[in-house]
Amino acid sequence: MPALNGAPVLVRHEADAPKERSTCGWRHMLISRQDHDSTAAWVHVVDIDGAKLHYHKAATEIYYVLEGEGSILLDGEEHEIRRGSVVHIPPGVVHGARGRMRVLVAGIPDMSDGDLFFPE
């Protein structure tokens, strides 16, 4: 049954989510633009392993570390993170992670391929 705005509800298990290589590692796309045009945000589980430094001009990202530990670089400053850590990354902040960890990542608004940039 669709919500009042016409968007369908969604229940998805991680094992059934589409999986693809990303800038940060492998992501399981739990909710994203591919599910419905009016998706306001996306939520992925990302297995981070050697994330490249990048930034977004429009999207805010929120990371929640589910497993593992390492560090995250935010505009050149390194912060240790581990299971239970949460990180808020506003638009324009150059970021990348080091270490091996599993992270729940929410992006607002739903991120497009055109909102991924690499520092020079």
C-alpha atoms as a PDB file:
ATOM      1  CA  MET A   1       0.000   0.000   0.000  1.00  0.00           C
ATOM      2  CA  PRO A   2       1.522   3.356  -0.971  1.00  0.00           C
ATOM      3  CA  ALA A   3       1.880   6.205   1.510  1.00  0.00           C
ATOM      4  CA  LEU A   4      -0.199   9.372   1.072  1.00  0.00           C
ATOM      5  CA  ASN A   5       2.484  10.867  -1.208  1.00  0.00           C
ATOM      6  CA  GLY A   6       2.265   7.830  -3.501  1.00  0.00           C
ATOM      7  CA  ALA A   7       5.648   6.359  -2.496  1.00  0.00           C
ATOM      8  CA  PRO A   8       5.576   2.620  -1.814  1.00  0.00           C
ATOM      9  CA  VAL A   9       6.662   1.246   1.535  1.00  0.00           C
ATOM     10  CA  LEU A  10       9.747  -0.947   1.490  1.00  0.00           C
ATOM     11  CA  VAL A  11      11.044  -3.809   3.594  1.00  0.00           C
ATOM     12  CA  ARG A  12      14.369  -5.258   2.443  1.00  0.00           C
ATOM     13  CA  HIS A  13      16.836  -7.643   4.034  1.00  0.00           C
ATOM     14  CA  GLU A  14      20.527  -6.940   3.536  1.00  0.00           C
ATOM     15  CA  ALA A  15      21.060 -10.335   1.901  1.00  0.00           C
ATOM     16  CA  ASP A  16      18.499  -9.360  -0.763  1.00  0.00           C
ATOM     17  CA  ALA A  17      19.846  -5.839  -1.392  1.00  0.00           C
ATOM     18  CA  PRO A  18      21.698  -5.015  -4.604  1.00  0.00           C
ATOM     19  CA  LYS A  19      25.465  -4.938  -3.994  1.00  0.00           C
ATOM     20  CA  GLU A  20      28.064  -2.895  -5.867  1.00  0.00           C
ATOM     21  CA  ARG A  21      31.615  -1.576  -5.622  1.00  0.00           C
ATOM     22  CA  SER A  22      31.806   2.010  -4.389  1.00  0.00           C
ATOM     23  CA  THR A  23      34.405   4.660  -3.605  1.00  0.00           C
ATOM     24  CA  CYS A  24      34.667   3.259  -0.066  1.00  0.00           C
ATOM     25  CA  GLY A  25      34.455  -0.507  -0.610  1.00  0.00           C
ATOM     26  CA  TRP A  26      31.388  -2.692  -1.190  1.00  0.00           C
ATOM     27  CA  ARG A  27      27.933  -1.307  -0.522  1.00  0.00           C
ATOM     28  CA  HIS A  28      24.656  -3.099   0.027  1.00  0.00           C
ATOM     29  CA  MET A  29      21.988  -0.686  -1.235  1.00  0.00           C
ATOM     30  CA  LEU A  30      19.201  -1.062   1.321  1.00  0.00           C
ATOM     31  CA  ILE A  31      17.251   2.001   0.164  1.00  0.00           C
ATOM     32  CA  SER A  32      18.194   4.234  -2.754  1.00  0.00           C
ATOM     33  CA  ARG A  33      16.913   6.231  -5.705  1.00  0.00           C
ATOM     34  CA  GLN A  34      16.548   3.032  -7.739  1.00  0.00           C
ATOM     35  CA  ASP A  35      13.680   1.988  -5.446  1.00  0.00           C
ATOM     36  CA  HIS A  36      11.468   5.026  -6.091  1.00  0.00           C
ATOM     37  CA  ASP A  37      11.884   8.449  -7.682  1.00  0.00           C
ATOM     38  CA  SER A  38      10.731  10.272  -4.543  1.00  0.00           C
ATOM     39  CA  THR A  39      13.223   8.641  -2.170  1.00  0.00           C
ATOM     40  CA  ALA A  40      14.317  11.443   0.184  1.00  0.00           C
ATOM     41  CA  ALA A  41      17.414   9.667   1.484  1.00  0.00           C
ATOM     42  CA  TRP A  42      19.443   6.547   0.884  1.00  0.00           C
ATOM     43  CA  VAL A  43      20.701   3.954   3.371  1.00  0.00           C
ATOM     44  CA  HIS A  44      23.521   1.542   2.593  1.00  0.00           C
ATOM     45  CA  VAL A  45      25.602  -0.907   4.579  1.00  0.00           C
ATOM     46  CA  VAL A  46      29.182  -0.370   3.436  1.00  0.00           C
ATOM     47  CA  ASP A  47      32.084  -2.751   3.987  1.00  0.00           C
ATOM     48  CA  ILE A  48      34.852  -0.144   4.066  1.00  0.00           C
ATOM     49  CA  ASP A  49      38.274  -1.201   2.883  1.00  0.00           C
ATOM     50  CA  GLY A  50      40.509   1.543   1.500  1.00  0.00           C
ATOM     51  CA  ALA A  51      38.088   4.411   0.878  1.00  0.00           C
ATOM     52  CA  LYS A  52      39.247   7.108  -1.559  1.00  0.00           C
ATOM     53  CA  LEU A  53      39.113  10.740  -0.460  1.00  0.00           C
ATOM     54  CA  HIS A  54      36.009  12.400  -1.897  1.00  0.00           C
ATOM     55  CA  TYR A  55      33.251  14.880  -1.132  1.00  0.00           C
ATOM     56  CA  HIS A  56      29.687  15.747  -2.055  1.00  0.00           C
ATOM     57  CA  LYS A  57      28.373  19.212  -2.854  1.00  0.00           C
ATOM     58  CA  ALA A  58      24.727  18.521  -1.991  1.00  0.00           C
ATOM     59  CA  ALA A  59      24.530  15.420   0.224  1.00  0.00           C
ATOM     60  CA  THR A  60      25.037  15.107   3.952  1.00  0.00           C
ATOM     61  CA  GLU A  61      26.203  11.673   5.108  1.00  0.00           C
ATOM     62  CA  ILE A  62      25.817  10.061   8.502  1.00  0.00           C
ATOM     63  CA  TYR A  63      28.012   7.042   9.297  1.00  0.00           C
ATOM     64  CA  TYR A  64      27.296   4.602  12.120  1.00  0.00           C
ATOM     65  CA  VAL A  65      30.001   1.963  12.683  1.00  0.00           C
ATOM     66  CA  LEU A  66      28.445  -1.493  13.059  1.00  0.00           C
ATOM     67  CA  GLU A  67      31.664  -3.549  13.208  1.00  0.00           C
ATOM     68  CA  GLY A  68      35.412  -3.009  13.072  1.00  0.00           C
ATOM     69  CA  GLU A  69      37.590  -0.002  13.706  1.00  0.00           C
ATOM     70  CA  GLY A  70      39.827   2.454  11.969  1.00  0.00           C
ATOM     71  CA  SER A  71      39.861   6.154  11.323  1.00  0.00           C
ATOM     72  CA  ILE A  72      38.033   8.690   9.232  1.00  0.00           C
ATOM     73  CA  LEU A  73      39.642  11.708   7.623  1.00  0.00           C
ATOM     74  CA  LEU A  74      37.492  14.834   7.646  1.00  0.00           C
ATOM     75  CA  ASP A  75      39.051  17.803   5.822  1.00  0.00           C
ATOM     76  CA  GLY A  76      42.516  16.421   6.598  1.00  0.00           C
ATOM     77  CA  GLU A  77      41.898  15.740  10.304  1.00  0.00           C
ATOM     78  CA  GLU A  78      42.013  12.093  11.367  1.00  0.00           C
ATOM     79  CA  HIS A  79      39.501  10.759  13.914  1.00  0.00           C
ATOM     80  CA  GLU A  80      39.564   7.254  15.420  1.00  0.00           C
ATOM     81  CA  ILE A  81      36.270   5.390  15.027  1.00  0.00           C
ATOM     82  CA  ARG A  82      35.057   1.987  16.195  1.00  0.00           C
ATOM     83  CA  ARG A  83      31.862   0.025  16.736  1.00  0.00           C
ATOM     84  CA  GLY A  84      29.220   2.426  18.040  1.00  0.00           C
ATOM     85  CA  SER A  85      30.807   5.608  16.611  1.00  0.00           C
ATOM     86  CA  VAL A  86      28.653   8.035  14.651  1.00  0.00           C
ATOM     87  CA  VAL A  87      30.029  10.596  12.183  1.00  0.00           C
ATOM     88  CA  HIS A  88      28.168  13.538  10.625  1.00  0.00           C
ATOM     89  CA  ILE A  89      29.658  14.676   7.283  1.00  0.00           C
ATOM     90  CA  PRO A  90      28.158  17.896   5.873  1.00  0.00           C
ATOM     91  CA  PRO A  91      28.341  18.776   2.160  1.00  0.00           C
ATOM     92  CA  GLY A  92      31.782  19.937   1.008  1.00  0.00           C
ATOM     93  CA  VAL A  93      33.795  18.038   3.652  1.00  0.00           C
ATOM     94  CA  VAL A  94      36.528  15.929   2.019  1.00  0.00           C
ATOM     95  CA  HIS A  95      36.387  12.511   3.662  1.00  0.00           C
ATOM     96  CA  GLY A  96      37.665   8.962   3.470  1.00  0.00           C
ATOM     97  CA  ALA A  97      38.166   6.082   5.884  1.00  0.00           C
ATOM     98  CA  ARG A  98      41.096   3.863   6.821  1.00  0.00           C
ATOM     99  CA  GLY A  99      40.809   0.410   8.286  1.00  0.00           C
ATOM    100  CA  ARG A 100      38.300  -2.361   7.837  1.00  0.00           C
ATOM    101  CA  MET A 101      34.826  -1.767   9.125  1.00  0.00           C
ATOM    102  CA  ARG A 102      31.162  -2.244   8.377  1.00  0.00           C
ATOM    103  CA  VAL A 103      29.248   1.023   8.437  1.00  0.00           C
ATOM    104  CA  LEU A 104      25.591   1.957   8.087  1.00  0.00           C
ATOM    105  CA  VAL A 105      25.572   5.094   5.920  1.00  0.00           C
ATOM    106  CA  ALA A 106      22.582   7.380   5.400  1.00  0.00           C
ATOM    107  CA  GLY A 107      22.704  10.119   2.780  1.00  0.00           C
ATOM    108  CA  ILE A 108      20.354  13.086   2.640  1.00  0.00           C
ATOM    109  CA  PRO A 109      19.138  13.952   0.080  1.00  0.00           C
ATOM    110  CA  ASP A 110      19.371  10.813  -1.992  1.00  0.00           C
ATOM    111  CA  MET A 111      22.802  11.004  -3.597  1.00  0.00           C
ATOM    112  CA  SER A 112      23.238  11.054  -7.336  1.00  0.00           C
ATOM    113  CA  ASP A 113      26.263   9.951  -9.328  1.00  0.00           C
ATOM    114  CA  GLY A 114      26.754  13.628 -10.232  1.00  0.00           C
ATOM    115  CA  ASP A 115      27.362  14.514  -6.557  1.00  0.00           C
ATOM    116  CA  LEU A 116      30.655  12.641  -6.171  1.00  0.00           C
ATOM    117  CA  PHE A 117      33.836  14.708  -6.425  1.00  0.00           C
ATOM    118  CA  PHE A 118      37.517  14.010  -5.815  1.00  0.00           C
ATOM    119  CA  PRO A 119      39.949  16.613  -4.468  1.00  0.00           C
ATOM    120  CA  GLU A 120      42.658  17.712  -6.886  1.00  0.00           C
END
